[in-house]
Amino acid sequence: MPESGVNVCPICGVKIIAMVGGDRVLFSVGPPGTRATLWARVCRYTQKPGCINSNPQAGSGGSSNDSYQSPR
């Protein structure tokens, strides 16, 4: 029986669970995050057709609380 409200990105394989107040993203490693976190860590670099997170603010419920800092 498929889980309702769960999408799996065919590009990166993360699960995105639709939730009230903002979607939850389940990464293969680390704590769950938001679509904004997913965008900051993965989507903005890959930008491939078929990505289900093409809008970083969609369902994020606000800004990212991502503590990851890219090297400069």
PDB file of N, CA and C in Angstrom:
ATOM      1  N   MET A   1       0.849  -1.175   0.000  1.00  0.00           N
ATOM      2  CA  MET A   1       0.000   0.000   0.000  1.00  0.00           C
ATOM      3  C   MET A   1       0.895   1.239   0.000  1.00  0.00           C
ATOM      4  N   PRO A   2       0.763   2.135  -1.005  1.00  0.00           N
ATOM      5  CA  PRO A   2       1.624   3.311  -1.064  1.00  0.00           C
ATOM      6  C   PRO A   2       1.308   4.312   0.035  1.00  0.00           C
ATOM      7  N   GLU A   3       2.338   5.012   0.495  1.00  0.00           N
ATOM      8  CA  GLU A   3       2.157   6.028   1.522  1.00  0.00           C
ATOM      9  C   GLU A   3       1.558   7.264   0.867  1.00  0.00           C
ATOM     10  N   SER A   4       0.466   7.802   1.437  1.00  0.00           N
ATOM     11  CA  SER A   4      -0.134   8.994   0.863  1.00  0.00           C
ATOM     12  C   SER A   4       0.671  10.217   1.289  1.00  0.00           C
ATOM     13  N   GLY A   5       0.797  11.175   0.377  1.00  0.00           N
ATOM     14  CA  GLY A   5       1.520  12.393   0.680  1.00  0.00           C
ATOM     15  C   GLY A   5       3.029  12.250   0.635  1.00  0.00           C
ATOM     16  N   VAL A   6       3.548  11.141   0.115  1.00  0.00           N
ATOM     17  CA  VAL A   6       4.992  10.936   0.017  1.00  0.00           C
ATOM     18  C   VAL A   6       5.401  10.928  -1.449  1.00  0.00           C
ATOM     19  N   ASN A   7       6.359  11.774  -1.791  1.00  0.00           N
ATOM     20  CA  ASN A   7       6.921  11.812  -3.132  1.00  0.00           C
ATOM     21  C   ASN A   7       8.394  11.456  -3.038  1.00  0.00           C
ATOM     22  N   VAL A   8       8.892  10.749  -4.030  1.00  0.00           N
ATOM     23  CA  VAL A   8      10.307  10.424  -4.104  1.00  0.00           C
ATOM     24  C   VAL A   8      10.865  11.081  -5.360  1.00  0.00           C
ATOM     25  N   CYS A   9      11.916  11.867  -5.196  1.00  0.00           N
ATOM     26  CA  CYS A   9      12.522  12.545  -6.333  1.00  0.00           C
ATOM     27  C   CYS A   9      13.264  11.524  -7.196  1.00  0.00           C
ATOM     28  N   PRO A  10      12.957  11.468  -8.499  1.00  0.00           N
ATOM     29  CA  PRO A  10      13.649  10.517  -9.371  1.00  0.00           C
ATOM     30  C   PRO A  10      15.107  10.899  -9.629  1.00  0.00           C
ATOM     31  N   ILE A  11      15.485  12.119  -9.318  1.00  0.00           N
ATOM     32  CA  ILE A  11      16.848  12.582  -9.559  1.00  0.00           C
ATOM     33  C   ILE A  11      17.765  12.238  -8.387  1.00  0.00           C
ATOM     34  N   CYS A  12      17.390  12.651  -7.174  1.00  0.00           N
ATOM     35  CA  CYS A  12      18.279  12.440  -6.028  1.00  0.00           C
ATOM     36  C   CYS A  12      17.798  11.353  -5.065  1.00  0.00           C
ATOM     37  N   GLY A  13      16.548  10.925  -5.196  1.00  0.00           N
ATOM     38  CA  GLY A  13      16.050   9.816  -4.392  1.00  0.00           C
ATOM     39  C   GLY A  13      15.554  10.157  -3.001  1.00  0.00           C
ATOM     40  N   VAL A  14      15.517  11.444  -2.625  1.00  0.00           N
ATOM     41  CA  VAL A  14      15.012  11.791  -1.296  1.00  0.00           C
ATOM     42  C   VAL A  14      13.501  11.643  -1.256  1.00  0.00           C
ATOM     43  N   LYS A  15      12.982  11.377  -0.047  1.00  0.00           N
ATOM     44  CA  LYS A  15      11.532  11.322   0.156  1.00  0.00           C
ATOM     45  C   LYS A  15      11.078  12.675   0.677  1.00  0.00           C
ATOM     46  N   ILE A  16       9.997  13.192   0.089  1.00  0.00           N
ATOM     47  CA  ILE A  16       9.393  14.441   0.540  1.00  0.00           C
ATOM     48  C   ILE A  16       7.994  14.111   1.021  1.00  0.00           C
ATOM     49  N   ILE A  17       7.743  14.356   2.298  1.00  0.00           N
ATOM     50  CA  ILE A  17       6.463  14.051   2.917  1.00  0.00           C
ATOM     51  C   ILE A  17       5.670  15.343   3.073  1.00  0.00           C
ATOM     52  N   ALA A  18       4.474  15.382   2.487  1.00  0.00           N
ATOM     53  CA  ALA A  18       3.607  16.553   2.589  1.00  0.00           C
ATOM     54  C   ALA A  18       3.066  16.647   4.007  1.00  0.00           C
ATOM     55  N   MET A  19       3.299  17.788   4.646  1.00  0.00           N
ATOM     56  CA  MET A  19       2.841  18.005   6.015  1.00  0.00           C
ATOM     57  C   MET A  19       2.239  19.394   6.142  1.00  0.00           C
ATOM     58  N   VAL A  20       1.324  19.557   7.080  1.00  0.00           N
ATOM     59  CA  VAL A  20       0.761  20.866   7.371  1.00  0.00           C
ATOM     60  C   VAL A  20       1.873  21.724   7.968  1.00  0.00           C
ATOM     61  N   GLY A  21       2.022  22.945   7.463  1.00  0.00           N
ATOM     62  CA  GLY A  21       3.058  23.831   7.968  1.00  0.00           C
ATOM     63  C   GLY A  21       4.377  23.727   7.227  1.00  0.00           C
ATOM     64  N   GLY A  22       4.485  22.835   6.268  1.00  0.00           N
ATOM     65  CA  GLY A  22       5.707  22.702   5.478  1.00  0.00           C
ATOM     66  C   GLY A  22       6.092  21.257   5.272  1.00  0.00           C
ATOM     67  N   ASP A  23       6.545  20.946   4.099  1.00  0.00           N
ATOM     68  CA  ASP A  23       6.935  19.576   3.774  1.00  0.00           C
ATOM     69  C   ASP A  23       8.193  19.174   4.527  1.00  0.00           C
ATOM     70  N   ARG A  24       8.326  17.879   4.807  1.00  0.00           N
ATOM     71  CA  ARG A  24       9.507  17.331   5.476  1.00  0.00           C
ATOM     72  C   ARG A  24      10.271  16.494   4.462  1.00  0.00           C
ATOM     73  N   VAL A  25      11.577  16.720   4.405  1.00  0.00           N
ATOM     74  CA  VAL A  25      12.450  16.005   3.477  1.00  0.00           C
ATOM     75  C   VAL A  25      13.286  15.015   4.275  1.00  0.00           C
ATOM     76  N   LEU A  26      13.264  13.745   3.843  1.00  0.00           N
ATOM     77  CA  LEU A  26      14.044  12.705   4.514  1.00  0.00           C
ATOM     78  C   LEU A  26      15.286  12.413   3.680  1.00  0.00           C
ATOM     79  N   PHE A  27      16.430  12.825   4.193  1.00  0.00           N
ATOM     80  CA  PHE A  27      17.707  12.592   3.521  1.00  0.00           C
ATOM     81  C   PHE A  27      18.207  11.198   3.855  1.00  0.00           C
ATOM     82  N   SER A  28      19.109  10.657   3.041  1.00  0.00           N
ATOM     83  CA  SER A  28      19.673   9.333   3.323  1.00  0.00           C
ATOM     84  C   SER A  28      20.599   9.380   4.537  1.00  0.00           C
ATOM     85  N   VAL A  29      21.185  10.544   4.810  1.00  0.00           N
ATOM     86  CA  VAL A  29      22.065  10.720   5.967  1.00  0.00           C
ATOM     87  C   VAL A  29      21.701  12.034   6.643  1.00  0.00           C
ATOM     88  N   GLY A  30      21.636  12.021   7.965  1.00  0.00           N
ATOM     89  CA  GLY A  30      21.376  13.244   8.712  1.00  0.00           C
ATOM     90  C   GLY A  30      19.910  13.410   9.068  1.00  0.00           C
ATOM     91  N   PRO A  31      19.616  14.494   9.772  1.00  0.00           N
ATOM     92  CA  PRO A  31      18.243  14.745  10.224  1.00  0.00           C
ATOM     93  C   PRO A  31      17.340  15.191   9.082  1.00  0.00           C
ATOM     94  N   PRO A  32      16.029  15.045   9.264  1.00  0.00           N
ATOM     95  CA  PRO A  32      15.081  15.542   8.261  1.00  0.00           C
ATOM     96  C   PRO A  32      15.233  17.051   8.098  1.00  0.00           C
ATOM     97  N   GLY A  33      14.811  17.558   6.951  1.00  0.00           N
ATOM     98  CA  GLY A  33      14.889  18.993   6.691  1.00  0.00           C
ATOM     99  C   GLY A  33      13.688  19.472   5.916  1.00  0.00           C
ATOM    100  N   THR A  34      13.816  20.631   5.308  1.00  0.00           N
ATOM    101  CA  THR A  34      12.752  21.247   4.519  1.00  0.00           C
ATOM    102  C   THR A  34      13.145  21.226   3.043  1.00  0.00           C
ATOM    103  N   ARG A  35      12.210  21.649   2.197  1.00  0.00           N
ATOM    104  CA  ARG A  35      12.532  21.764   0.772  1.00  0.00           C
ATOM    105  C   ARG A  35      13.621  22.808   0.557  1.00  0.00           C
ATOM    106  N   ALA A  36      13.642  23.854   1.381  1.00  0.00           N
ATOM    107  CA  ALA A  36      14.689  24.878   1.269  1.00  0.00           C
ATOM    108  C   ALA A  36      16.057  24.277   1.591  1.00  0.00           C
ATOM    109  N   THR A  37      16.114  23.396   2.572  1.00  0.00           N
ATOM    110  CA  THR A  37      17.362  22.716   2.909  1.00  0.00           C
ATOM    111  C   THR A  37      17.801  21.822   1.762  1.00  0.00           C
ATOM    112  N   LEU A  38      16.850  21.089   1.183  1.00  0.00           N
ATOM    113  CA  LEU A  38      17.137  20.227   0.039  1.00  0.00           C
ATOM    114  C   LEU A  38      17.685  21.054  -1.125  1.00  0.00           C
ATOM    115  N   TRP A  39      17.050  22.197  -1.378  1.00  0.00           N
ATOM    116  CA  TRP A  39      17.509  23.088  -2.447  1.00  0.00           C
ATOM    117  C   TRP A  39      18.944  23.545  -2.174  1.00  0.00           C
ATOM    118  N   ALA A  40      19.223  23.958  -0.932  1.00  0.00           N
ATOM    119  CA  ALA A  40      20.550  24.472  -0.580  1.00  0.00           C
ATOM    120  C   ALA A  40      21.633  23.405  -0.695  1.00  0.00           C
ATOM    121  N   ARG A  41      21.301  22.165  -0.392  1.00  0.00           N
ATOM    122  CA  ARG A  41      22.300  21.092  -0.387  1.00  0.00           C
ATOM    123  C   ARG A  41      22.441  20.357  -1.716  1.00  0.00           C
ATOM    124  N   VAL A  42      21.338  20.241  -2.484  1.00  0.00           N
ATOM    125  CA  VAL A  42      21.363  19.363  -3.658  1.00  0.00           C
ATOM    126  C   VAL A  42      20.841  20.024  -4.929  1.00  0.00           C
ATOM    127  N   CYS A  43      19.594  20.446  -4.922  1.00  0.00           N
ATOM    128  CA  CYS A  43      18.883  20.822  -6.148  1.00  0.00           C
ATOM    129  C   CYS A  43      19.516  21.970  -6.911  1.00  0.00           C
ATOM    130  N   ARG A  44      20.034  22.965  -6.210  1.00  0.00           N
ATOM    131  CA  ARG A  44      20.611  24.111  -6.928  1.00  0.00           C
ATOM    132  C   ARG A  44      21.868  23.726  -7.705  1.00  0.00           C
ATOM    133  N   TYR A  45      22.497  22.610  -7.337  1.00  0.00           N
ATOM    134  CA  TYR A  45      23.693  22.154  -8.038  1.00  0.00           C
ATOM    135  C   TYR A  45      23.362  21.210  -9.194  1.00  0.00           C
ATOM    136  N   THR A  46      22.347  20.365  -9.025  1.00  0.00           N
ATOM    137  CA  THR A  46      22.037  19.390 -10.067  1.00  0.00           C
ATOM    138  C   THR A  46      21.211  19.985 -11.189  1.00  0.00           C
ATOM    139  N   GLN A  47      20.117  20.678 -10.868  1.00  0.00           N
ATOM    140  CA  GLN A  47      19.225  21.327 -11.833  1.00  0.00           C
ATOM    141  C   GLN A  47      18.956  20.462 -13.056  1.00  0.00           C
ATOM    142  N   LYS A  48      18.459  19.248 -12.831  1.00  0.00           N
ATOM    143  CA  LYS A  48      18.133  18.330 -13.921  1.00  0.00           C
ATOM    144  C   LYS A  48      16.629  18.285 -14.141  1.00  0.00           C
ATOM    145  N   PRO A  49      16.190  18.045 -15.380  1.00  0.00           N
ATOM    146  CA  PRO A  49      14.758  17.895 -15.641  1.00  0.00           C
ATOM    147  C   PRO A  49      14.206  16.721 -14.836  1.00  0.00           C
ATOM    148  N   GLY A  50      13.027  16.884 -14.276  1.00  0.00           N
ATOM    149  CA  GLY A  50      12.409  15.822 -13.497  1.00  0.00           C
ATOM    150  C   GLY A  50      12.519  16.034 -12.003  1.00  0.00           C
ATOM    151  N   CYS A  51      13.329  17.010 -11.579  1.00  0.00           N
ATOM    152  CA  CYS A  51      13.465  17.308 -10.148  1.00  0.00           C
ATOM    153  C   CYS A  51      12.110  17.777  -9.615  1.00  0.00           C
ATOM    154  N   ILE A  52      11.678  17.233  -8.487  1.00  0.00           N
ATOM    155  CA  ILE A  52      10.373  17.612  -7.930  1.00  0.00           C
ATOM    156  C   ILE A  52      10.506  18.759  -6.938  1.00  0.00           C
ATOM    157  N   ASN A  53      11.690  19.338  -6.800  1.00  0.00           N
ATOM    158  CA  ASN A  53      11.913  20.462  -5.900  1.00  0.00           C
ATOM    159  C   ASN A  53      12.502  21.634  -6.670  1.00  0.00           C
ATOM    160  N   SER A  54      11.849  22.020  -7.761  1.00  0.00           N
ATOM    161  CA  SER A  54      12.375  23.084  -8.598  1.00  0.00           C
ATOM    162  C   SER A  54      12.156  24.471  -8.004  1.00  0.00           C
ATOM    163  N   ASN A  55      11.268  24.603  -7.017  1.00  0.00           N
ATOM    164  CA  ASN A  55      11.034  25.876  -6.346  1.00  0.00           C
ATOM    165  C   ASN A  55      11.492  25.724  -4.898  1.00  0.00           C
ATOM    166  N   PRO A  56      12.593  26.360  -4.493  1.00  0.00           N
ATOM    167  CA  PRO A  56      13.134  26.161  -3.154  1.00  0.00           C
ATOM    168  C   PRO A  56      12.207  26.608  -2.032  1.00  0.00           C
ATOM    169  N   GLN A  57      11.267  27.502  -2.299  1.00  0.00           N
ATOM    170  CA  GLN A  57      10.370  27.980  -1.255  1.00  0.00           C
ATOM    171  C   GLN A  57       9.052  27.213  -1.188  1.00  0.00           C
ATOM    172  N   ALA A  58       8.781  26.335  -2.130  1.00  0.00           N
ATOM    173  CA  ALA A  58       7.523  25.585  -2.151  1.00  0.00           C
ATOM    174  C   ALA A  58       7.440  24.653  -0.961  1.00  0.00           C
ATOM    175  N   GLY A  59       6.466  24.862  -0.123  1.00  0.00           N
ATOM    176  CA  GLY A  59       6.231  23.970   1.000  1.00  0.00           C
ATOM    177  C   GLY A  59       7.285  24.020   2.080  1.00  0.00           C
ATOM    178  N   SER A  60       8.135  25.043   2.073  1.00  0.00           N
ATOM    179  CA  SER A  60       9.210  25.064   3.055  1.00  0.00           C
ATOM    180  C   SER A  60       8.772  25.633   4.387  1.00  0.00           C
ATOM    181  N   GLY A  61       7.695  26.422   4.374  1.00  0.00           N
ATOM    182  CA  GLY A  61       7.240  27.009   5.625  1.00  0.00           C
ATOM    183  C   GLY A  61       8.184  28.082   6.142  1.00  0.00           C
ATOM    184  N   GLY A  62       9.008  28.652   5.283  1.00  0.00           N
ATOM    185  CA  GLY A  62       9.918  29.707   5.707  1.00  0.00           C
ATOM    186  C   GLY A  62      11.317  29.455   5.215  1.00  0.00           C
ATOM    187  N   SER A  63      12.248  30.113   5.851  1.00  0.00           N
ATOM    188  CA  SER A  63      13.635  29.976   5.416  1.00  0.00           C
ATOM    189  C   SER A  63      14.259  28.712   5.967  1.00  0.00           C
ATOM    190  N   SER A  64      15.369  28.338   5.375  1.00  0.00           N
ATOM    191  CA  SER A  64      16.076  27.125   5.775  1.00  0.00           C
ATOM    192  C   SER A  64      16.794  27.314   7.089  1.00  0.00           C
ATOM    193  N   ASN A  65      16.758  26.307   7.927  1.00  0.00           N
ATOM    194  CA  ASN A  65      17.536  26.291   9.160  1.00  0.00           C
ATOM    195  C   ASN A  65      18.788  25.452   8.967  1.00  0.00           C
ATOM    196  N   ASP A  66      19.208  25.334   7.754  1.00  0.00           N
ATOM    197  CA  ASP A  66      20.352  24.494   7.413  1.00  0.00           C
ATOM    198  C   ASP A  66      21.631  25.114   7.961  1.00  0.00           C
ATOM    199  N   SER A  67      22.372  24.327   8.721  1.00  0.00           N
ATOM    200  CA  SER A  67      23.611  24.818   9.312  1.00  0.00           C
ATOM    201  C   SER A  67      24.813  24.547   8.415  1.00  0.00           C
ATOM    202  N   TYR A  68      24.601  23.904   7.276  1.00  0.00           N
ATOM    203  CA  TYR A  68      25.697  23.582   6.368  1.00  0.00           C
ATOM    204  C   TYR A  68      26.238  24.856   5.741  1.00  0.00           C
ATOM    205  N   GLN A  69      27.517  25.017   5.753  1.00  0.00           N
ATOM    206  CA  GLN A  69      28.163  26.155   5.108  1.00  0.00           C
ATOM    207  C   GLN A  69      29.089  25.604   4.027  1.00  0.00           C
ATOM    208  N   SER A  70      28.901  26.061   2.785  1.00  0.00           N
ATOM    209  CA  SER A  70      29.781  25.590   1.724  1.00  0.00           C
ATOM    210  C   SER A  70      31.146  26.264   1.850  1.00  0.00           C
ATOM    211  N   PRO A  71      32.209  25.561   1.482  1.00  0.00           N
ATOM    212  CA  PRO A  71      33.540  26.161   1.571  1.00  0.00           C
ATOM    213  C   PRO A  71      33.683  27.297   0.581  1.00  0.00           C
ATOM    214  N   ARG A  72      34.401  28.319   0.955  1.00  0.00           N
ATOM    215  CA  ARG A  72      34.568  29.498   0.074  1.00  0.00           C
ATOM    216  C   ARG A  72      35.952  29.576  -0.460  1.00  0.00           C
TER     217      ARG A  72
END
